[in-house]
Structures are given as structure tokens and as C-alpha cells.
């Protein structure tokens, strides 16, 4: 929290399970943070259950592609438009956060994408003031585990969907966000 100059959480390759005991990750008011995770970090977080990201005003992506893009990190091109993860949906080796159940994304004015490809088995998702987020890239299998979505309903109704049936499936799970949810 309040790490004004934090630009990234991890540099380089980590050892599988090196953050295995981490169950909750909360990032708040880190204004220079452009993304949270890379593919190479996912195997280090096998037990992550909750990810909360709030008031990180430069955050554009939750998950980006791997370290290949890291050399360009200091260039303004990378900060403004990093390469978003495009994980093959059918791959058995696709790294996802299998234990992640809760995702809260609040006051992220530049967030334009969370991740593409398979989603973790989320049960609860909360969105608040993420005006540039327009498509969740979620498929029908990803939506099966979702029990509750808390968001501004007017924003939710403007989302673009790759699969209309996902929108229909999730619409019954959406409730209007209020101050107690933040």
C-alpha cells in the first residue's frame, strides 16, 4: 500500500511455489504500477485466493505476457500499451490461478484488460470505477464458478461480450455496488 514509485512487483523468473503461502494480495495506491502479474509469476502463486487492486491510477492490465516484454519496460510504449496475455484456451498447460476465488478491481481509471484466455475459478468479482474496461474476454466455462458480481449496473450493461450466453448467465449474479462493498 502507498508505494508511490512501485512499477512492478517481481523482476525475472521466480522459483515455482516461492510465494506458495501467499493467499491474499492487496495493492492499493501504487500510482506507477502498470500491471500486476506476468505469466512467469503464476506458478509462484498456487494458493492465491484473493486479489484486491485499488487506486492504482496507471494500472492498465492485471496479467501481461512474459518476461520477453520486460526489456522494454522503461520505454513509454511498453507502459502505455504492454502486450496483453493471449493464453490458448484449450491448452492443458495454461497457467491460471487455480485457487483464486475473489477479485476486486476498484478505482482503476486506466485498466483496459484483466487477462485473456482461461479465467481462474472466481466466485466473487467486484468492479468499481474501471471506465476503460470494456470486455472481460470471459467464456461460458469461465463463468460457471461465478456466484456474485458487484459492479455499477450501468457500466455492466455497456460491456462488450465475445459470447452473449456468458452475459446472460452472469446477469443474474450482478448486484449494484454500494459503499459497503469498497
C-alpha atoms as a PDB file:
ATOM      1  CA  UNK A   1       0.000   0.000   0.000  1.00  0.00           C
ATOM      2  CA  UNK A   2       1.082   3.539  -0.841  1.00  0.00           C
ATOM      3  CA  UNK A   3       4.239   2.595  -2.727  1.00  0.00           C
ATOM      4  CA  UNK A   4       4.417   5.715  -4.853  1.00  0.00           C
ATOM      5  CA  UNK A   5       7.320   4.526  -7.060  1.00  0.00           C
ATOM      6  CA  UNK A   6       6.445   0.824  -7.415  1.00  0.00           C
ATOM      7  CA  UNK A   7       6.487  -0.026 -11.132  1.00  0.00           C
ATOM      8  CA  UNK A   8       6.402  -3.833 -10.943  1.00  0.00           C
ATOM      9  CA  UNK A   9       6.032  -6.484  -8.291  1.00  0.00           C
ATOM     10  CA  UNK A  10       8.606  -9.012  -9.454  1.00  0.00           C
ATOM     11  CA  UNK A  11      11.626  -8.912 -11.755  1.00  0.00           C
ATOM     12  CA  UNK A  12      12.874 -12.022 -13.547  1.00  0.00           C
ATOM     13  CA  UNK A  13      11.968 -15.685 -13.204  1.00  0.00           C
ATOM     14  CA  UNK A  14      10.947 -16.980  -9.809  1.00  0.00           C
ATOM     15  CA  UNK A  15      11.040 -20.464  -8.399  1.00  0.00           C
ATOM     16  CA  UNK A  16       7.802 -22.451  -8.550  1.00  0.00           C
ATOM     17  CA  UNK A  17       5.999 -22.119  -5.254  1.00  0.00           C
ATOM     18  CA  UNK A  18       8.302 -19.400  -3.915  1.00  0.00           C
ATOM     19  CA  UNK A  19       5.211 -17.450  -2.873  1.00  0.00           C
ATOM     20  CA  UNK A  20       3.179 -20.595  -2.196  1.00  0.00           C
ATOM     21  CA  UNK A  21       1.930 -19.478   1.212  1.00  0.00           C
ATOM     22  CA  UNK A  22       0.570 -16.190  -0.122  1.00  0.00           C
ATOM     23  CA  UNK A  23      -3.230 -16.372  -0.025  1.00  0.00           C
ATOM     24  CA  UNK A  24      -4.170 -12.705  -0.189  1.00  0.00           C
ATOM     25  CA  UNK A  25      -2.568  -9.969  -2.299  1.00  0.00           C
ATOM     26  CA  UNK A  26      -3.706  -6.381  -1.914  1.00  0.00           C
ATOM     27  CA  UNK A  27      -2.318  -3.463  -3.888  1.00  0.00           C
ATOM     28  CA  UNK A  28      -3.540  -0.003  -3.022  1.00  0.00           C
ATOM     29  CA  UNK A  29      -2.425   3.426  -4.183  1.00  0.00           C
ATOM     30  CA  UNK A  30       0.598   2.420  -6.260  1.00  0.00           C
ATOM     31  CA  UNK A  31       0.279   5.094  -8.963  1.00  0.00           C
ATOM     32  CA  UNK A  32       3.190   3.943 -11.177  1.00  0.00           C
ATOM     33  CA  UNK A  33       2.210   0.271 -11.315  1.00  0.00           C
ATOM     34  CA  UNK A  34       1.309  -0.574 -14.940  1.00  0.00           C
ATOM     35  CA  UNK A  35       0.479  -4.284 -14.464  1.00  0.00           C
ATOM     36  CA  UNK A  36       0.323  -6.776 -11.602  1.00  0.00           C
ATOM     37  CA  UNK A  37       1.311 -10.226 -12.895  1.00  0.00           C
ATOM     38  CA  UNK A  38       3.246 -11.860 -15.717  1.00  0.00           C
ATOM     39  CA  UNK A  39       2.795 -15.438 -16.903  1.00  0.00           C
ATOM     40  CA  UNK A  40       6.063 -16.463 -15.278  1.00  0.00           C
ATOM     41  CA  UNK A  41       4.730 -15.356 -11.889  1.00  0.00           C
ATOM     42  CA  UNK A  42       1.612 -17.541 -11.963  1.00  0.00           C
ATOM     43  CA  UNK A  43       3.379 -20.769 -10.953  1.00  0.00           C
ATOM     44  CA  UNK A  44       4.726 -18.984  -7.866  1.00  0.00           C
ATOM     45  CA  UNK A  45       1.193 -18.276  -6.569  1.00  0.00           C
ATOM     46  CA  UNK A  46      -0.549 -21.674  -6.375  1.00  0.00           C
ATOM     47  CA  UNK A  47      -2.585 -20.773  -3.280  1.00  0.00           C
ATOM     48  CA  UNK A  48      -3.562 -17.177  -4.032  1.00  0.00           C
ATOM     49  CA  UNK A  49      -7.252 -16.921  -3.096  1.00  0.00           C
ATOM     50  CA  UNK A  50      -7.909 -13.182  -3.176  1.00  0.00           C
ATOM     51  CA  UNK A  51      -6.522 -10.382  -5.334  1.00  0.00           C
ATOM     52  CA  UNK A  52      -7.513  -6.808  -4.482  1.00  0.00           C
ATOM     53  CA  UNK A  53      -6.287  -3.880  -6.575  1.00  0.00           C
ATOM     54  CA  UNK A  54      -7.409  -0.371  -5.668  1.00  0.00           C
ATOM     55  CA  UNK A  55      -6.460   3.162  -6.660  1.00  0.00           C
ATOM     56  CA  UNK A  56      -3.507   2.220  -8.880  1.00  0.00           C
ATOM     57  CA  UNK A  57      -4.042   5.006 -11.377  1.00  0.00           C
ATOM     58  CA  UNK A  58      -1.595   3.800 -14.069  1.00  0.00           C
ATOM     59  CA  UNK A  59      -2.628   0.142 -13.982  1.00  0.00           C
ATOM     60  CA  UNK A  60      -3.659  -0.924 -17.485  1.00  0.00           C
ATOM     61  CA  UNK A  61      -3.520  -4.734 -17.148  1.00  0.00           C
ATOM     62  CA  UNK A  62      -3.723  -7.350 -14.418  1.00  0.00           C
ATOM     63  CA  UNK A  63      -1.816 -10.025 -16.386  1.00  0.00           C
ATOM     64  CA  UNK A  64       0.616  -9.460 -19.252  1.00  0.00           C
ATOM     65  CA  UNK A  65       2.762 -11.770 -21.330  1.00  0.00           C
ATOM     66  CA  UNK A  66       6.071 -12.996 -20.063  1.00  0.00           C
ATOM     67  CA  UNK A  67       9.470 -11.524 -19.455  1.00  0.00           C
ATOM     68  CA  UNK A  68      10.200 -11.035 -23.168  1.00  0.00           C
ATOM     69  CA  UNK A  69       8.490  -7.663 -22.896  1.00  0.00           C
ATOM     70  CA  UNK A  70      10.383  -6.687 -19.765  1.00  0.00           C
ATOM     71  CA  UNK A  71      13.385  -5.204 -21.593  1.00  0.00           C
ATOM     72  CA  UNK A  72      11.052  -2.565 -22.997  1.00  0.00           C
ATOM     73  CA  UNK A  73       9.535  -1.807 -19.610  1.00  0.00           C
ATOM     74  CA  UNK A  74      11.122   1.605 -19.251  1.00  0.00           C
ATOM     75  CA  UNK A  75      10.027   2.747 -22.691  1.00  0.00           C
ATOM     76  CA  UNK A  76       6.832   4.759 -22.749  1.00  0.00           C
ATOM     77  CA  UNK A  77       5.456   2.419 -25.426  1.00  0.00           C
ATOM     78  CA  UNK A  78       5.551  -0.510 -23.008  1.00  0.00           C
ATOM     79  CA  UNK A  79       3.999   1.414 -20.139  1.00  0.00           C
ATOM     80  CA  UNK A  80       1.171   2.727 -22.301  1.00  0.00           C
ATOM     81  CA  UNK A  81       0.428  -0.431 -24.263  1.00  0.00           C
ATOM     82  CA  UNK A  82       2.049  -3.606 -22.921  1.00  0.00           C
ATOM     83  CA  UNK A  83       1.384  -6.867 -24.676  1.00  0.00           C
ATOM     84  CA  UNK A  84      -1.672  -8.468 -23.110  1.00  0.00           C
ATOM     85  CA  UNK A  85      -1.628 -12.152 -22.356  1.00  0.00           C
ATOM     86  CA  UNK A  86      -3.259 -14.263 -25.042  1.00  0.00           C
ATOM     87  CA  UNK A  87      -3.337 -17.701 -23.449  1.00  0.00           C
ATOM     88  CA  UNK A  88      -4.641 -20.596 -25.586  1.00  0.00           C
ATOM     89  CA  UNK A  89      -7.980 -21.509 -24.038  1.00  0.00           C
ATOM     90  CA  UNK A  90      -7.716 -25.226 -24.737  1.00  0.00           C
ATOM     91  CA  UNK A  91      -4.187 -25.835 -23.523  1.00  0.00           C
ATOM     92  CA  UNK A  92      -3.923 -28.191 -20.548  1.00  0.00           C
ATOM     93  CA  UNK A  93      -0.699 -26.402 -19.630  1.00  0.00           C
ATOM     94  CA  UNK A  94      -2.289 -22.977 -19.463  1.00  0.00           C
ATOM     95  CA  UNK A  95      -1.135 -21.338 -16.246  1.00  0.00           C
ATOM     96  CA  UNK A  96      -4.030 -19.958 -14.274  1.00  0.00           C
ATOM     97  CA  UNK A  97      -4.513 -19.121 -10.644  1.00  0.00           C
ATOM     98  CA  UNK A  98      -6.452 -22.262  -9.677  1.00  0.00           C
ATOM     99  CA  UNK A  99      -7.120 -21.113  -6.100  1.00  0.00           C
ATOM    100  CA  UNK A 100      -8.220 -17.555  -6.891  1.00  0.00           C
ATOM    101  CA  UNK A 101     -11.820 -17.088  -5.725  1.00  0.00           C
ATOM    102  CA  UNK A 102     -12.069 -13.323  -5.137  1.00  0.00           C
ATOM    103  CA  UNK A 103     -11.064 -10.492  -7.485  1.00  0.00           C
ATOM    104  CA  UNK A 104     -11.687  -6.854  -6.543  1.00  0.00           C
ATOM    105  CA  UNK A 105     -10.807  -4.086  -9.000  1.00  0.00           C
ATOM    106  CA  UNK A 106     -11.612  -0.613  -7.676  1.00  0.00           C
ATOM    107  CA  UNK A 107     -10.783   2.880  -8.915  1.00  0.00           C
ATOM    108  CA  UNK A 108      -8.520   1.839 -11.785  1.00  0.00           C
ATOM    109  CA  UNK A 109      -9.098   4.543 -14.416  1.00  0.00           C
ATOM    110  CA  UNK A 110      -6.655   3.112 -16.996  1.00  0.00           C
ATOM    111  CA  UNK A 111      -7.493  -0.585 -16.622  1.00  0.00           C
ATOM    112  CA  UNK A 112      -8.326  -1.812 -20.111  1.00  0.00           C
ATOM    113  CA  UNK A 113      -7.892  -5.576 -19.745  1.00  0.00           C
ATOM    114  CA  UNK A 114      -7.686  -8.164 -16.998  1.00  0.00           C
ATOM    115  CA  UNK A 115      -6.487 -11.216 -18.912  1.00  0.00           C
ATOM    116  CA  UNK A 116      -7.418 -13.172 -21.998  1.00  0.00           C
ATOM    117  CA  UNK A 117      -7.815 -16.912 -22.132  1.00  0.00           C
ATOM    118  CA  UNK A 118      -8.881 -19.106 -19.247  1.00  0.00           C
ATOM    119  CA  UNK A 119     -10.092 -17.389 -16.103  1.00  0.00           C
ATOM    120  CA  UNK A 120      -9.484 -18.685 -12.587  1.00  0.00           C
ATOM    121  CA  UNK A 121     -12.466 -20.304 -10.829  1.00  0.00           C
ATOM    122  CA  UNK A 122     -13.643 -16.981  -9.394  1.00  0.00           C
ATOM    123  CA  UNK A 123     -16.683 -16.931  -7.128  1.00  0.00           C
ATOM    124  CA  UNK A 124     -16.803 -13.201  -6.358  1.00  0.00           C
ATOM    125  CA  UNK A 125     -15.799 -10.301  -8.616  1.00  0.00           C
ATOM    126  CA  UNK A 126     -16.097  -6.613  -7.769  1.00  0.00           C
ATOM    127  CA  UNK A 127     -15.626  -3.708 -10.190  1.00  0.00           C
ATOM    128  CA  UNK A 128     -15.783  -0.035  -9.284  1.00  0.00           C
ATOM    129  CA  UNK A 129     -14.716   2.886 -11.480  1.00  0.00           C
ATOM    130  CA  UNK A 130     -12.907   0.998 -14.237  1.00  0.00           C
ATOM    131  CA  UNK A 131     -14.183   3.087 -17.170  1.00  0.00           C
ATOM    132  CA  UNK A 132     -11.766   1.752 -19.828  1.00  0.00           C
ATOM    133  CA  UNK A 133     -12.554  -1.892 -19.100  1.00  0.00           C
ATOM    134  CA  UNK A 134     -14.992  -2.794 -21.878  1.00  0.00           C
ATOM    135  CA  UNK A 135     -14.630  -6.554 -22.437  1.00  0.00           C
ATOM    136  CA  UNK A 136     -13.926  -9.259 -19.879  1.00  0.00           C
ATOM    137  CA  UNK A 137     -12.936 -11.870 -22.515  1.00  0.00           C
ATOM    138  CA  UNK A 138     -14.779 -14.495 -20.489  1.00  0.00           C
ATOM    139  CA  UNK A 139     -16.181 -17.685 -21.985  1.00  0.00           C
ATOM    140  CA  UNK A 140     -19.016 -19.932 -20.780  1.00  0.00           C
ATOM    141  CA  UNK A 141     -16.722 -22.286 -18.843  1.00  0.00           C
ATOM    142  CA  UNK A 142     -15.098 -19.348 -17.031  1.00  0.00           C
ATOM    143  CA  UNK A 143     -18.490 -18.080 -15.888  1.00  0.00           C
ATOM    144  CA  UNK A 144     -19.606 -21.361 -14.275  1.00  0.00           C
ATOM    145  CA  UNK A 145     -17.977 -20.733 -10.895  1.00  0.00           C
ATOM    146  CA  UNK A 146     -19.075 -17.085 -10.527  1.00  0.00           C
ATOM    147  CA  UNK A 147     -21.630 -16.666  -7.750  1.00  0.00           C
ATOM    148  CA  UNK A 148     -21.667 -12.887  -7.319  1.00  0.00           C
ATOM    149  CA  UNK A 149     -20.542  -9.841  -9.263  1.00  0.00           C
ATOM    150  CA  UNK A 150     -20.690  -6.427  -7.656  1.00  0.00           C
ATOM    151  CA  UNK A 151     -20.495  -3.508 -10.079  1.00  0.00           C
ATOM    152  CA  UNK A 152     -22.195  -0.375 -11.277  1.00  0.00           C
ATOM    153  CA  UNK A 153     -25.059  -1.856 -13.291  1.00  0.00           C
ATOM    154  CA  UNK A 154     -24.964   0.955 -15.855  1.00  0.00           C
ATOM    155  CA  UNK A 155     -21.280   0.158 -16.534  1.00  0.00           C
ATOM    156  CA  UNK A 156     -22.002  -3.579 -16.596  1.00  0.00           C
ATOM    157  CA  UNK A 157     -24.704  -3.103 -19.233  1.00  0.00           C
ATOM    158  CA  UNK A 158     -22.201  -1.370 -21.572  1.00  0.00           C
ATOM    159  CA  UNK A 159     -19.703  -4.278 -21.597  1.00  0.00           C
ATOM    160  CA  UNK A 160     -18.989  -5.997 -24.908  1.00  0.00           C
ATOM    161  CA  UNK A 161     -19.200  -9.797 -24.878  1.00  0.00           C
ATOM    162  CA  UNK A 162     -17.498 -12.347 -27.106  1.00  0.00           C
ATOM    163  CA  UNK A 163     -20.146 -14.878 -26.039  1.00  0.00           C
ATOM    164  CA  UNK A 164     -23.672 -13.466 -25.492  1.00  0.00           C
ATOM    165  CA  UNK A 165     -24.594 -16.524 -23.405  1.00  0.00           C
ATOM    166  CA  UNK A 166     -21.957 -15.504 -20.842  1.00  0.00           C
ATOM    167  CA  UNK A 167     -23.618 -12.125 -20.420  1.00  0.00           C
ATOM    168  CA  UNK A 168     -26.985 -13.844 -19.957  1.00  0.00           C
ATOM    169  CA  UNK A 169     -25.548 -16.368 -17.477  1.00  0.00           C
ATOM    170  CA  UNK A 170     -23.861 -13.695 -15.367  1.00  0.00           C
ATOM    171  CA  UNK A 171     -26.613 -11.055 -15.443  1.00  0.00           C
ATOM    172  CA  UNK A 172     -28.469 -12.793 -12.595  1.00  0.00           C
ATOM    173  CA  UNK A 173     -25.315 -12.676 -10.458  1.00  0.00           C
ATOM    174  CA  UNK A 174     -24.779  -8.916 -10.764  1.00  0.00           C
ATOM    175  CA  UNK A 175     -25.802  -6.572  -7.985  1.00  0.00           C
ATOM    176  CA  UNK A 176     -25.317  -2.822  -7.723  1.00  0.00           C
ATOM    177  CA  UNK A 177     -22.142  -1.845  -5.866  1.00  0.00           C
ATOM    178  CA  UNK A 178     -22.503   0.319  -2.771  1.00  0.00           C
ATOM    179  CA  UNK A 179     -20.172   1.947  -0.264  1.00  0.00           C
ATOM    180  CA  UNK A 180     -20.080  -1.150   1.952  1.00  0.00           C
ATOM    181  CA  UNK A 181     -18.505  -3.157  -0.896  1.00  0.00           C
ATOM    182  CA  UNK A 182     -15.439  -0.940  -1.056  1.00  0.00           C
END
